[in-house]
């Protein structure tokens, strides 16, 4: 009984810290967006002044810098849930800042029973792991693929990322060189998926790691 209470408290603390971290990341992204919008008129005036003076090289350089800034705060993923959009776009921006190409397609179908908070913990954990694995690799080898959609009567989520050597299994999960929190994160994902009657599977091979989740949708 005491051991179970200790486990419950650790899980609660872990999830609380994780959500705080995710909120900080998303807030940082939207702060950049607000700043860019606030400076919009200043950017236009600077460009107009350079154009009037015929300083076209300066204009091109200025536009290139603006494009780089805008790319870092682009919110291109729209799943249908604001919190999930925020965590996905926040993690994709972090991946981009670390020179990790991301291919993402994500739409939440009708009938999803998973709460926004639990979805954010699941997605956040898996993408944190994906980013960390990619950062260990040469730039040319890096990638993350994200798919969220409907498969038959279930919510289907799959994240594949570049990785190093094949990882060894520890029970139904995998051992990690990052320490207990990394492994605990995957265990937390499996626990949440099980909570909703779903199935979590992971496959590690040389050069890649794939996590797949199936969770039944509510009947219409």
N, C-alpha and C. Protein backbone atom coordinates (compact mmCIF):
# COMPACT_ATOMS: atom_id res chain seq x y z
N UNK A 1 0.82 -1.20 0.00
CA UNK A 1 0.00 0.00 0.00
C UNK A 1 0.87 1.26 0.00
N UNK A 2 1.86 1.31 0.88
CA UNK A 2 2.77 2.45 0.96
C UNK A 2 3.56 2.61 -0.33
N UNK A 3 3.99 1.46 -0.89
CA UNK A 3 4.75 1.49 -2.14
C UNK A 3 3.90 2.04 -3.27
N UNK A 4 2.62 1.64 -3.34
CA UNK A 4 1.72 2.13 -4.38
C UNK A 4 1.49 3.62 -4.24
N UNK A 5 1.38 4.10 -2.99
CA UNK A 5 1.21 5.54 -2.78
C UNK A 5 2.45 6.30 -3.25
N UNK A 6 3.62 5.72 -3.01
CA UNK A 6 4.87 6.35 -3.45
C UNK A 6 4.92 6.43 -4.97
N UNK A 7 4.49 5.34 -5.62
CA UNK A 7 4.45 5.32 -7.09
C UNK A 7 3.47 6.37 -7.60
N UNK A 8 2.27 6.45 -6.99
CA UNK A 8 1.26 7.41 -7.41
C UNK A 8 1.77 8.85 -7.27
N UNK A 9 2.47 9.11 -6.16
CA UNK A 9 2.99 10.46 -5.94
C UNK A 9 4.08 10.80 -6.96
N UNK A 10 4.91 9.81 -7.27
CA UNK A 10 5.97 10.05 -8.26
C UNK A 10 5.37 10.32 -9.62
N UNK A 11 4.35 9.56 -10.00
CA UNK A 11 3.69 9.76 -11.29
C UNK A 11 3.05 11.14 -11.35
N UNK A 12 2.37 11.53 -10.25
CA UNK A 12 1.73 12.84 -10.20
C UNK A 12 2.76 13.97 -10.33
N UNK A 13 3.88 13.84 -9.61
CA UNK A 13 4.94 14.85 -9.68
C UNK A 13 5.56 14.90 -11.06
N UNK A 14 5.78 13.73 -11.65
CA UNK A 14 6.38 13.65 -12.99
C UNK A 14 5.49 14.32 -14.02
N UNK A 15 4.19 14.02 -13.97
CA UNK A 15 3.26 14.60 -14.94
C UNK A 15 3.15 16.10 -14.74
N UNK A 16 3.14 16.55 -13.47
CA UNK A 16 3.06 17.97 -13.19
C UNK A 16 4.27 18.72 -13.74
N UNK A 17 5.47 18.16 -13.52
CA UNK A 17 6.70 18.78 -14.03
C UNK A 17 6.70 18.81 -15.56
N UNK A 18 6.22 17.71 -16.14
CA UNK A 18 6.19 17.60 -17.60
C UNK A 18 5.26 18.65 -18.20
N UNK A 19 4.07 18.80 -17.64
CA UNK A 19 3.12 19.77 -18.16
C UNK A 19 3.62 21.20 -17.98
N UNK A 20 4.32 21.44 -16.86
CA UNK A 20 4.89 22.77 -16.64
C UNK A 20 5.93 23.08 -17.72
N UNK A 21 6.75 22.07 -18.02
CA UNK A 21 7.77 22.22 -19.06
C UNK A 21 7.12 22.49 -20.41
N UNK A 22 6.07 21.73 -20.75
CA UNK A 22 5.40 21.90 -22.02
C UNK A 22 4.75 23.29 -22.12
N UNK A 23 4.14 23.74 -21.02
CA UNK A 23 3.52 25.06 -21.02
C UNK A 23 4.56 26.15 -21.26
N UNK A 24 5.74 26.00 -20.65
CA UNK A 24 6.81 26.98 -20.84
C UNK A 24 7.26 27.01 -22.30
N UNK A 25 7.38 25.82 -22.92
CA UNK A 25 7.80 25.74 -24.31
C UNK A 25 6.78 26.41 -25.23
N UNK A 26 5.50 26.13 -25.00
CA UNK A 26 4.45 26.70 -25.84
C UNK A 26 4.36 28.21 -25.63
N UNK A 27 4.48 28.65 -24.37
CA UNK A 27 4.44 30.08 -24.08
C UNK A 27 5.57 30.82 -24.79
N UNK A 28 6.75 30.18 -24.81
CA UNK A 28 7.89 30.77 -25.51
C UNK A 28 7.60 30.94 -26.99
N UNK A 29 6.97 29.93 -27.58
CA UNK A 29 6.64 29.99 -29.00
C UNK A 29 5.66 31.13 -29.30
N UNK A 30 4.61 31.27 -28.47
CA UNK A 30 3.61 32.31 -28.71
C UNK A 30 4.13 33.70 -28.35
N UNK A 31 5.08 33.78 -27.43
CA UNK A 31 5.72 35.06 -27.15
C UNK A 31 6.45 35.57 -28.39
N UNK A 32 7.15 34.65 -29.09
CA UNK A 32 7.82 35.02 -30.34
C UNK A 32 6.80 35.50 -31.38
N UNK A 33 5.66 34.81 -31.45
CA UNK A 33 4.63 35.19 -32.41
C UNK A 33 4.09 36.58 -32.11
N UNK A 34 3.81 36.84 -30.82
CA UNK A 34 3.28 38.16 -30.46
C UNK A 34 4.30 39.26 -30.76
N UNK A 35 5.58 38.96 -30.49
CA UNK A 35 6.63 39.94 -30.77
C UNK A 35 6.73 40.24 -32.25
N UNK A 36 6.64 39.20 -33.08
CA UNK A 36 6.73 39.40 -34.53
C UNK A 36 5.57 40.26 -35.02
N UNK A 37 4.37 39.97 -34.52
CA UNK A 37 3.20 40.75 -34.95
C UNK A 37 3.30 42.21 -34.48
N UNK A 38 3.83 42.39 -33.28
CA UNK A 38 3.98 43.74 -32.73
C UNK A 38 4.92 44.56 -33.60
N UNK A 39 5.94 43.93 -34.15
CA UNK A 39 6.95 44.63 -34.95
C UNK A 39 6.61 44.69 -36.44
N UNK A 40 5.42 44.20 -36.79
CA UNK A 40 5.05 44.09 -38.21
C UNK A 40 5.20 45.43 -38.95
N UNK A 41 4.65 46.51 -38.40
CA UNK A 41 4.71 47.81 -39.07
C UNK A 41 6.14 48.32 -39.17
N UNK A 42 6.94 48.05 -38.13
CA UNK A 42 8.34 48.46 -38.19
C UNK A 42 9.08 47.75 -39.32
N UNK A 43 8.78 46.47 -39.50
CA UNK A 43 9.41 45.71 -40.58
C UNK A 43 9.03 46.30 -41.94
N UNK A 44 7.75 46.60 -42.12
CA UNK A 44 7.28 47.16 -43.39
C UNK A 44 7.96 48.50 -43.68
N UNK A 45 8.04 49.35 -42.66
CA UNK A 45 8.67 50.66 -42.85
C UNK A 45 10.15 50.53 -43.21
N UNK A 46 10.84 49.60 -42.56
CA UNK A 46 12.26 49.39 -42.85
C UNK A 46 12.45 48.91 -44.28
N UNK A 47 11.58 48.01 -44.73
CA UNK A 47 11.67 47.50 -46.10
C UNK A 47 11.37 48.61 -47.12
N UNK A 48 10.35 49.42 -46.82
CA UNK A 48 10.00 50.50 -47.74
C UNK A 48 11.14 51.52 -47.86
N UNK A 49 11.80 51.81 -46.74
CA UNK A 49 12.91 52.77 -46.76
C UNK A 49 14.07 52.23 -47.59
N UNK A 50 14.38 50.96 -47.43
CA UNK A 50 15.48 50.36 -48.21
C UNK A 50 15.14 50.31 -49.68
N UNK A 51 13.87 50.02 -50.01
CA UNK A 51 13.45 49.98 -51.41
C UNK A 51 13.56 51.36 -52.04
N UNK A 52 13.16 52.39 -51.30
CA UNK A 52 13.19 53.75 -51.82
C UNK A 52 14.61 54.19 -52.14
N UNK A 53 15.59 53.66 -51.37
CA UNK A 53 16.99 54.00 -51.59
C UNK A 53 17.67 53.06 -52.58
N UNK A 54 16.90 52.09 -53.08
CA UNK A 54 17.45 51.16 -54.05
C UNK A 54 18.40 50.14 -53.45
N UNK A 55 18.30 49.91 -52.13
CA UNK A 55 19.20 48.96 -51.46
C UNK A 55 18.55 47.57 -51.48
N UNK A 56 18.53 46.98 -52.67
CA UNK A 56 17.81 45.72 -52.85
C UNK A 56 18.49 44.54 -52.16
N UNK A 57 19.80 44.58 -52.05
CA UNK A 57 20.50 43.50 -51.33
C UNK A 57 20.09 43.50 -49.85
N UNK A 58 19.96 44.71 -49.28
CA UNK A 58 19.52 44.82 -47.89
C UNK A 58 18.10 44.28 -47.73
N UNK A 59 17.25 44.57 -48.71
CA UNK A 59 15.87 44.07 -48.66
C UNK A 59 15.84 42.55 -48.68
N UNK A 60 16.61 41.96 -49.57
CA UNK A 60 16.66 40.49 -49.66
C UNK A 60 17.16 39.87 -48.35
N UNK A 61 18.19 40.48 -47.78
CA UNK A 61 18.74 39.97 -46.53
C UNK A 61 17.73 40.10 -45.40
N UNK A 62 17.04 41.22 -45.36
CA UNK A 62 16.02 41.47 -44.33
C UNK A 62 14.88 40.46 -44.44
N UNK A 63 14.42 40.22 -45.67
CA UNK A 63 13.34 39.26 -45.89
C UNK A 63 13.75 37.85 -45.50
N UNK A 64 15.01 37.52 -45.78
CA UNK A 64 15.50 36.19 -45.41
C UNK A 64 15.48 36.01 -43.89
N UNK A 65 15.90 37.04 -43.17
CA UNK A 65 15.89 36.97 -41.71
C UNK A 65 14.47 36.85 -41.16
N UNK A 66 13.54 37.61 -41.75
CA UNK A 66 12.14 37.54 -41.32
C UNK A 66 11.56 36.16 -41.58
N UNK A 67 11.91 35.59 -42.72
CA UNK A 67 11.41 34.25 -43.06
C UNK A 67 11.92 33.21 -42.07
N UNK A 68 13.18 33.32 -41.67
CA UNK A 68 13.74 32.40 -40.67
C UNK A 68 13.01 32.52 -39.34
N UNK A 69 12.73 33.77 -38.93
CA UNK A 69 12.02 33.99 -37.67
C UNK A 69 10.61 33.42 -37.73
N UNK A 70 9.95 33.63 -38.87
CA UNK A 70 8.57 33.17 -39.02
C UNK A 70 8.50 31.65 -39.04
N UNK A 71 9.50 31.02 -39.66
CA UNK A 71 9.53 29.56 -39.72
C UNK A 71 9.59 28.95 -38.33
N UNK A 72 10.29 29.63 -37.41
CA UNK A 72 10.46 29.11 -36.06
C UNK A 72 9.17 29.16 -35.25
N UNK A 73 8.19 29.98 -35.65
CA UNK A 73 6.95 30.08 -34.88
C UNK A 73 5.73 29.65 -35.70
N UNK A 74 5.96 29.04 -36.83
CA UNK A 74 4.86 28.61 -37.69
C UNK A 74 4.03 27.53 -37.02
N UNK A 75 2.71 27.72 -36.96
CA UNK A 75 1.82 26.72 -36.38
C UNK A 75 1.06 26.04 -37.52
N UNK A 76 1.67 25.04 -38.11
CA UNK A 76 1.10 24.43 -39.30
C UNK A 76 0.20 23.25 -39.00
N UNK A 77 0.30 22.67 -37.80
CA UNK A 77 -0.50 21.49 -37.46
C UNK A 77 -1.78 21.91 -36.75
N UNK A 78 -2.90 21.47 -37.29
CA UNK A 78 -4.21 21.77 -36.70
C UNK A 78 -4.99 20.46 -36.59
N UNK A 79 -4.99 19.89 -35.39
CA UNK A 79 -5.63 18.60 -35.15
C UNK A 79 -7.11 18.72 -34.84
N UNK A 80 -7.53 19.91 -34.38
CA UNK A 80 -8.90 20.07 -33.93
C UNK A 80 -9.00 20.33 -32.44
N UNK A 81 -7.87 20.19 -31.74
CA UNK A 81 -7.82 20.49 -30.30
C UNK A 81 -6.67 21.45 -30.03
N UNK A 82 -6.99 22.56 -29.38
CA UNK A 82 -6.01 23.63 -29.20
C UNK A 82 -4.79 23.18 -28.41
N UNK A 83 -4.99 22.47 -27.30
CA UNK A 83 -3.86 22.04 -26.48
C UNK A 83 -2.95 21.08 -27.24
N UNK A 84 -3.54 20.18 -27.98
CA UNK A 84 -2.76 19.22 -28.76
C UNK A 84 -2.01 19.94 -29.88
N UNK A 85 -2.67 20.91 -30.52
CA UNK A 85 -1.98 21.71 -31.54
C UNK A 85 -0.78 22.41 -30.94
N UNK A 86 -0.95 22.96 -29.75
CA UNK A 86 0.13 23.70 -29.10
C UNK A 86 1.33 22.81 -28.81
N UNK A 87 1.08 21.63 -28.26
CA UNK A 87 2.20 20.75 -27.91
C UNK A 87 2.88 20.22 -29.17
N UNK A 88 2.10 19.88 -30.19
CA UNK A 88 2.69 19.37 -31.42
C UNK A 88 3.55 20.44 -32.10
N UNK A 89 2.99 21.63 -32.26
CA UNK A 89 3.74 22.69 -32.92
C UNK A 89 4.94 23.13 -32.10
N UNK A 90 4.79 23.13 -30.77
CA UNK A 90 5.92 23.48 -29.93
C UNK A 90 7.07 22.49 -30.08
N UNK A 91 6.77 21.20 -30.10
CA UNK A 91 7.81 20.17 -30.24
C UNK A 91 8.42 20.19 -31.65
N UNK A 92 7.59 20.44 -32.67
CA UNK A 92 8.11 20.52 -34.02
C UNK A 92 9.07 21.69 -34.16
N UNK A 93 8.73 22.81 -33.52
CA UNK A 93 9.63 23.97 -33.55
C UNK A 93 10.96 23.66 -32.87
N UNK A 94 10.90 22.94 -31.75
CA UNK A 94 12.14 22.55 -31.06
C UNK A 94 12.98 21.64 -31.96
N UNK A 95 12.31 20.70 -32.64
CA UNK A 95 13.03 19.82 -33.57
C UNK A 95 13.69 20.64 -34.68
N UNK A 96 12.95 21.57 -35.25
CA UNK A 96 13.48 22.41 -36.33
C UNK A 96 14.69 23.21 -35.87
N UNK A 97 14.62 23.74 -34.66
CA UNK A 97 15.74 24.51 -34.12
C UNK A 97 16.98 23.64 -33.92
N UNK A 98 16.77 22.33 -33.80
CA UNK A 98 17.88 21.40 -33.65
C UNK A 98 18.24 20.70 -34.97
N UNK A 99 17.81 21.31 -36.08
CA UNK A 99 18.13 20.79 -37.42
C UNK A 99 17.63 19.36 -37.63
N UNK A 100 16.41 19.10 -37.17
CA UNK A 100 15.79 17.79 -37.35
C UNK A 100 14.58 17.95 -38.27
N UNK A 101 14.62 17.41 -39.50
CA UNK A 101 13.47 17.49 -40.40
C UNK A 101 12.28 16.72 -39.84
N UNK A 102 11.09 17.33 -39.93
CA UNK A 102 9.88 16.69 -39.42
C UNK A 102 8.84 16.60 -40.52
N UNK A 103 8.29 15.41 -40.70
CA UNK A 103 7.16 15.19 -41.61
C UNK A 103 5.97 14.83 -40.73
N UNK A 104 4.96 15.70 -40.72
CA UNK A 104 3.85 15.48 -39.79
C UNK A 104 2.49 15.59 -40.48
N UNK A 105 1.62 14.65 -40.14
CA UNK A 105 0.23 14.70 -40.56
C UNK A 105 -0.60 14.30 -39.34
N UNK A 106 -1.43 15.21 -38.87
CA UNK A 106 -2.15 14.94 -37.62
C UNK A 106 -3.55 15.55 -37.64
N UNK A 107 -4.55 14.68 -37.57
CA UNK A 107 -5.95 15.10 -37.43
C UNK A 107 -6.61 14.16 -36.44
N UNK A 108 -7.21 14.73 -35.40
CA UNK A 108 -7.89 13.90 -34.42
C UNK A 108 -9.30 13.60 -34.91
N UNK A 109 -9.65 12.32 -35.05
CA UNK A 109 -11.00 11.97 -35.54
C UNK A 109 -12.05 12.17 -34.46
N UNK A 110 -13.30 12.13 -34.85
CA UNK A 110 -14.39 12.20 -33.88
C UNK A 110 -14.36 10.97 -33.00
N UNK A 111 -14.79 11.14 -31.76
CA UNK A 111 -14.88 10.00 -30.86
C UNK A 111 -13.65 9.73 -30.02
N UNK A 112 -12.68 10.66 -30.02
CA UNK A 112 -11.48 10.47 -29.19
C UNK A 112 -11.87 10.61 -27.72
N UNK A 113 -11.57 9.60 -26.93
CA UNK A 113 -11.94 9.60 -25.51
C UNK A 113 -10.82 10.09 -24.61
N UNK A 114 -9.63 10.24 -25.15
CA UNK A 114 -8.46 10.64 -24.35
C UNK A 114 -8.54 12.13 -24.04
N UNK A 115 -8.29 12.49 -22.79
CA UNK A 115 -8.33 13.90 -22.40
C UNK A 115 -7.19 14.67 -23.05
N UNK A 116 -7.34 15.98 -23.14
CA UNK A 116 -6.29 16.81 -23.72
C UNK A 116 -4.98 16.68 -22.94
N UNK A 117 -5.08 16.67 -21.62
CA UNK A 117 -3.88 16.58 -20.78
C UNK A 117 -3.15 15.27 -21.04
N UNK A 118 -3.88 14.17 -21.08
CA UNK A 118 -3.24 12.87 -21.32
C UNK A 118 -2.66 12.78 -22.72
N UNK A 119 -3.35 13.36 -23.70
CA UNK A 119 -2.81 13.37 -25.06
C UNK A 119 -1.50 14.16 -25.12
N UNK A 120 -1.46 15.28 -24.41
CA UNK A 120 -0.25 16.10 -24.40
C UNK A 120 0.91 15.37 -23.73
N UNK A 121 0.62 14.63 -22.66
CA UNK A 121 1.68 13.87 -22.00
C UNK A 121 2.19 12.76 -22.91
N UNK A 122 1.29 12.06 -23.58
CA UNK A 122 1.68 10.99 -24.50
C UNK A 122 2.54 11.54 -25.64
N UNK A 123 2.02 12.54 -26.33
CA UNK A 123 2.72 13.11 -27.48
C UNK A 123 4.03 13.77 -27.06
N UNK A 124 3.98 14.51 -25.95
CA UNK A 124 5.16 15.21 -25.48
C UNK A 124 6.29 14.26 -25.12
N UNK A 125 5.97 13.19 -24.42
CA UNK A 125 6.99 12.19 -24.06
C UNK A 125 7.64 11.58 -25.29
N UNK A 126 6.82 11.14 -26.23
CA UNK A 126 7.35 10.47 -27.41
C UNK A 126 8.20 11.40 -28.26
N UNK A 127 7.77 12.66 -28.39
CA UNK A 127 8.55 13.60 -29.20
C UNK A 127 9.81 14.07 -28.48
N UNK A 128 9.75 14.17 -27.16
CA UNK A 128 10.97 14.49 -26.40
C UNK A 128 12.03 13.42 -26.66
N UNK A 129 11.61 12.16 -26.58
CA UNK A 129 12.53 11.05 -26.82
C UNK A 129 13.07 11.09 -28.25
N UNK A 130 12.16 11.40 -29.21
CA UNK A 130 12.56 11.43 -30.62
C UNK A 130 13.60 12.52 -30.86
N UNK A 131 13.40 13.69 -30.28
CA UNK A 131 14.35 14.79 -30.45
C UNK A 131 15.70 14.43 -29.83
N UNK A 132 15.68 13.87 -28.62
CA UNK A 132 16.93 13.52 -27.94
C UNK A 132 17.73 12.48 -28.72
N UNK A 133 17.05 11.50 -29.30
CA UNK A 133 17.74 10.48 -30.09
C UNK A 133 18.37 11.09 -31.34
N UNK A 134 17.64 12.00 -31.98
CA UNK A 134 18.16 12.65 -33.19
C UNK A 134 19.37 13.52 -32.91
N UNK A 135 19.39 14.17 -31.78
CA UNK A 135 20.49 15.08 -31.45
C UNK A 135 21.82 14.35 -31.32
N UNK A 136 21.78 13.04 -31.14
CA UNK A 136 23.01 12.25 -31.02
C UNK A 136 23.60 11.91 -32.39
N UNK A 137 22.84 12.18 -33.46
CA UNK A 137 23.22 11.70 -34.79
C UNK A 137 23.75 12.81 -35.69
N UNK A 138 24.48 12.45 -36.76
CA UNK A 138 24.90 13.45 -37.76
C UNK A 138 23.67 14.11 -38.39
N UNK A 139 23.81 15.34 -38.84
CA UNK A 139 22.68 16.10 -39.39
C UNK A 139 21.98 15.37 -40.53
N UNK A 140 22.74 14.74 -41.40
CA UNK A 140 22.14 14.09 -42.58
C UNK A 140 21.30 12.87 -42.23
N UNK A 141 21.48 12.33 -41.03
CA UNK A 141 20.75 11.11 -40.64
C UNK A 141 19.48 11.41 -39.86
N UNK A 142 19.23 12.66 -39.53
CA UNK A 142 18.12 12.99 -38.63
C UNK A 142 16.77 13.06 -39.33
N UNK A 143 15.72 12.60 -38.64
CA UNK A 143 14.35 12.75 -39.13
C UNK A 143 13.36 12.35 -38.04
N UNK A 144 12.17 12.92 -38.13
CA UNK A 144 11.03 12.51 -37.30
C UNK A 144 9.80 12.48 -38.20
N UNK A 145 9.03 11.40 -38.11
CA UNK A 145 7.76 11.30 -38.82
C UNK A 145 6.63 11.14 -37.81
N UNK A 146 5.59 11.93 -37.97
CA UNK A 146 4.45 11.91 -37.05
C UNK A 146 3.17 11.66 -37.84
N UNK A 147 2.37 10.71 -37.37
CA UNK A 147 1.05 10.50 -37.99
C UNK A 147 0.02 10.29 -36.88
N UNK A 148 -1.06 11.06 -36.95
CA UNK A 148 -2.19 10.90 -36.03
C UNK A 148 -3.45 10.92 -36.87
N UNK A 149 -4.26 9.87 -36.75
CA UNK A 149 -5.49 9.81 -37.53
C UNK A 149 -6.36 8.65 -37.07
N UNK A 150 -7.21 8.21 -37.97
CA UNK A 150 -8.15 7.13 -37.67
C UNK A 150 -7.75 5.87 -38.41
N UNK A 151 -7.78 4.74 -37.72
CA UNK A 151 -7.51 3.45 -38.33
C UNK A 151 -8.65 2.51 -37.94
N UNK A 152 -9.49 2.22 -38.90
CA UNK A 152 -10.72 1.45 -38.63
C UNK A 152 -11.55 2.19 -37.58
N UNK A 153 -11.74 1.61 -36.40
CA UNK A 153 -12.56 2.25 -35.36
C UNK A 153 -11.69 2.75 -34.21
N UNK A 154 -10.41 3.04 -34.51
CA UNK A 154 -9.50 3.42 -33.43
C UNK A 154 -8.68 4.66 -33.78
N UNK A 155 -8.30 5.36 -32.74
CA UNK A 155 -7.34 6.45 -32.89
C UNK A 155 -5.97 5.81 -33.09
N UNK A 156 -5.26 6.27 -34.12
CA UNK A 156 -3.94 5.70 -34.42
C UNK A 156 -2.90 6.80 -34.36
N UNK A 157 -1.87 6.57 -33.58
CA UNK A 157 -0.76 7.52 -33.45
C UNK A 157 0.54 6.78 -33.66
N UNK A 158 1.37 7.29 -34.56
CA UNK A 158 2.66 6.66 -34.83
C UNK A 158 3.75 7.73 -34.93
N UNK A 159 4.83 7.53 -34.23
CA UNK A 159 5.98 8.43 -34.29
C UNK A 159 7.22 7.59 -34.58
N UNK A 160 7.88 7.90 -35.68
CA UNK A 160 9.13 7.22 -36.07
C UNK A 160 10.25 8.23 -36.08
N UNK A 161 11.36 7.88 -35.51
CA UNK A 161 12.50 8.81 -35.50
C UNK A 161 13.80 8.08 -35.78
N UNK A 162 14.76 8.84 -36.29
CA UNK A 162 16.10 8.30 -36.47
C UNK A 162 16.69 7.97 -35.10
N UNK A 163 17.49 6.93 -35.06
CA UNK A 163 18.12 6.52 -33.81
C UNK A 163 19.45 5.85 -34.12
N UNK A 164 20.19 5.55 -33.09
CA UNK A 164 21.48 4.88 -33.26
C UNK A 164 21.30 3.38 -33.37
N UNK A 165 22.03 2.66 -32.56
CA UNK A 165 21.95 1.20 -32.59
C UNK A 165 20.65 0.71 -31.94
N UNK A 166 20.27 -0.49 -32.32
CA UNK A 166 19.07 -1.11 -31.76
C UNK A 166 19.15 -1.15 -30.24
N UNK A 167 18.06 -0.73 -29.58
CA UNK A 167 18.02 -0.71 -28.13
C UNK A 167 17.55 -2.06 -27.59
N UNK A 168 18.06 -2.41 -26.42
CA UNK A 168 17.64 -3.67 -25.80
C UNK A 168 16.34 -3.49 -25.04
N UNK A 169 15.52 -4.53 -25.06
CA UNK A 169 14.23 -4.47 -24.37
C UNK A 169 14.40 -4.67 -22.87
N UNK A 170 13.50 -4.00 -22.14
CA UNK A 170 13.41 -4.22 -20.70
C UNK A 170 11.94 -4.40 -20.40
N UNK A 171 11.51 -5.67 -20.36
CA UNK A 171 10.09 -5.97 -20.27
C UNK A 171 9.43 -5.64 -21.60
N UNK A 172 8.37 -4.83 -21.55
CA UNK A 172 7.69 -4.45 -22.78
C UNK A 172 8.25 -3.17 -23.38
N UNK A 173 9.19 -2.53 -22.65
CA UNK A 173 9.76 -1.28 -23.12
C UNK A 173 11.24 -1.45 -23.44
N UNK A 174 11.98 -0.33 -23.45
CA UNK A 174 13.38 -0.38 -23.84
C UNK A 174 14.25 0.33 -22.81
N UNK A 175 15.46 -0.18 -22.66
CA UNK A 175 16.42 0.48 -21.77
C UNK A 175 16.92 1.74 -22.45
N UNK A 176 17.45 2.67 -21.66
CA UNK A 176 17.91 3.93 -22.21
C UNK A 176 19.17 4.39 -21.51
N UNK A 177 20.01 5.09 -22.28
CA UNK A 177 21.24 5.65 -21.71
C UNK A 177 20.98 6.98 -21.03
N UNK A 178 19.75 7.50 -21.11
CA UNK A 178 19.45 8.81 -20.55
C UNK A 178 19.18 8.76 -19.06
N UNK A 179 18.86 7.59 -18.51
CA UNK A 179 18.56 7.50 -17.10
C UNK A 179 17.12 7.09 -16.87
N UNK A 180 16.71 7.10 -15.60
CA UNK A 180 15.40 6.56 -15.23
C UNK A 180 14.25 7.39 -15.76
N UNK A 181 14.38 8.72 -15.84
CA UNK A 181 13.27 9.55 -16.29
C UNK A 181 12.88 9.24 -17.73
N UNK A 182 13.87 8.96 -18.57
CA UNK A 182 13.60 8.64 -19.96
C UNK A 182 12.77 7.36 -20.05
N UNK A 183 13.21 6.30 -19.36
CA UNK A 183 12.47 5.05 -19.35
C UNK A 183 11.12 5.20 -18.67
N UNK A 184 11.08 6.03 -17.63
CA UNK A 184 9.84 6.27 -16.91
C UNK A 184 8.83 6.97 -17.82
N UNK A 185 9.32 7.82 -18.73
CA UNK A 185 8.43 8.49 -19.67
C UNK A 185 7.72 7.52 -20.59
N UNK A 186 8.43 6.54 -21.12
CA UNK A 186 7.79 5.53 -21.97
C UNK A 186 6.81 4.68 -21.17
N UNK A 187 7.18 4.38 -19.92
CA UNK A 187 6.27 3.61 -19.07
C UNK A 187 5.00 4.40 -18.80
N UNK A 188 5.15 5.72 -18.66
CA UNK A 188 3.98 6.59 -18.44
C UNK A 188 3.08 6.58 -19.66
N UNK A 189 3.67 6.61 -20.84
CA UNK A 189 2.88 6.55 -22.07
C UNK A 189 2.08 5.26 -22.12
N UNK A 190 2.75 4.14 -21.85
CA UNK A 190 2.06 2.85 -21.87
C UNK A 190 0.93 2.80 -20.85
N UNK A 191 1.17 3.38 -19.67
CA UNK A 191 0.16 3.40 -18.62
C UNK A 191 -1.07 4.19 -19.06
N UNK A 192 -0.86 5.34 -19.69
CA UNK A 192 -1.99 6.16 -20.13
C UNK A 192 -2.76 5.49 -21.27
N UNK A 193 -2.05 4.86 -22.18
CA UNK A 193 -2.71 4.17 -23.29
C UNK A 193 -3.57 3.02 -22.75
N UNK A 194 -3.03 2.29 -21.78
CA UNK A 194 -3.78 1.19 -21.15
C UNK A 194 -5.02 1.71 -20.43
N UNK A 195 -4.90 2.87 -19.83
CA UNK A 195 -6.01 3.51 -19.10
C UNK A 195 -7.23 3.66 -20.00
N UNK A 196 -7.01 3.90 -21.30
CA UNK A 196 -8.12 4.10 -22.24
C UNK A 196 -8.42 2.84 -23.05
N UNK A 197 -7.92 1.71 -22.59
CA UNK A 197 -8.20 0.45 -23.27
C UNK A 197 -7.45 0.28 -24.58
N UNK A 198 -6.34 0.97 -24.72
CA UNK A 198 -5.58 0.92 -25.96
C UNK A 198 -4.37 0.01 -25.91
N UNK A 199 -3.62 0.02 -26.99
CA UNK A 199 -2.42 -0.81 -27.13
C UNK A 199 -1.24 0.08 -27.51
N UNK A 200 -0.14 -0.08 -26.79
CA UNK A 200 1.09 0.66 -27.09
C UNK A 200 2.16 -0.35 -27.50
N UNK A 201 2.81 -0.09 -28.63
CA UNK A 201 3.89 -0.97 -29.06
C UNK A 201 5.07 -0.11 -29.52
N UNK A 202 6.26 -0.64 -29.35
CA UNK A 202 7.47 0.08 -29.77
C UNK A 202 8.43 -0.90 -30.42
N UNK A 203 9.10 -0.43 -31.44
CA UNK A 203 10.03 -1.29 -32.16
C UNK A 203 11.34 -0.54 -32.40
N UNK A 204 12.43 -1.14 -32.00
CA UNK A 204 13.75 -0.53 -32.16
C UNK A 204 14.58 -1.35 -33.13
N UNK A 205 15.13 -0.65 -34.12
CA UNK A 205 16.04 -1.26 -35.08
C UNK A 205 17.24 -0.34 -35.24
N UNK A 206 18.31 -0.87 -35.82
CA UNK A 206 19.46 -0.02 -36.11
C UNK A 206 19.02 1.12 -37.03
N UNK A 207 19.20 2.34 -36.57
CA UNK A 207 18.87 3.50 -37.39
C UNK A 207 17.50 4.09 -37.18
N UNK A 208 16.64 3.40 -36.42
CA UNK A 208 15.29 3.94 -36.25
C UNK A 208 14.54 3.38 -35.06
N UNK A 209 13.56 4.15 -34.58
CA UNK A 209 12.71 3.74 -33.47
C UNK A 209 11.28 4.16 -33.80
N UNK A 210 10.32 3.25 -33.62
CA UNK A 210 8.92 3.54 -33.92
C UNK A 210 8.04 3.23 -32.72
N UNK A 211 7.19 4.18 -32.36
CA UNK A 211 6.19 3.97 -31.32
C UNK A 211 4.81 4.07 -31.97
N UNK A 212 3.95 3.09 -31.70
CA UNK A 212 2.60 3.07 -32.26
C UNK A 212 1.57 2.91 -31.16
N UNK A 213 0.44 3.61 -31.33
CA UNK A 213 -0.62 3.58 -30.33
C UNK A 213 -1.97 3.41 -31.03
N UNK A 214 -2.77 2.52 -30.50
CA UNK A 214 -4.15 2.32 -30.96
C UNK A 214 -5.06 2.44 -29.75
N UNK A 215 -6.06 3.33 -29.83
CA UNK A 215 -7.01 3.53 -28.74
C UNK A 215 -8.42 3.55 -29.33
N UNK A 216 -9.32 2.71 -28.82
CA UNK A 216 -10.69 2.67 -29.37
C UNK A 216 -11.38 4.04 -29.32
N UNK A 217 -12.09 4.36 -30.40
CA UNK A 217 -12.89 5.57 -30.45
C UNK A 217 -14.28 5.29 -29.89
N UNK A 218 -14.91 6.33 -29.35
CA UNK A 218 -16.27 6.18 -28.84
C UNK A 218 -17.21 5.95 -30.02
N UNK A 219 -18.19 5.10 -29.80
CA UNK A 219 -19.16 4.81 -30.85
C UNK A 219 -20.01 6.03 -31.12
N UNK A 220 -20.26 6.29 -32.39
CA UNK A 220 -21.07 7.46 -32.77
C UNK A 220 -22.54 7.18 -32.55
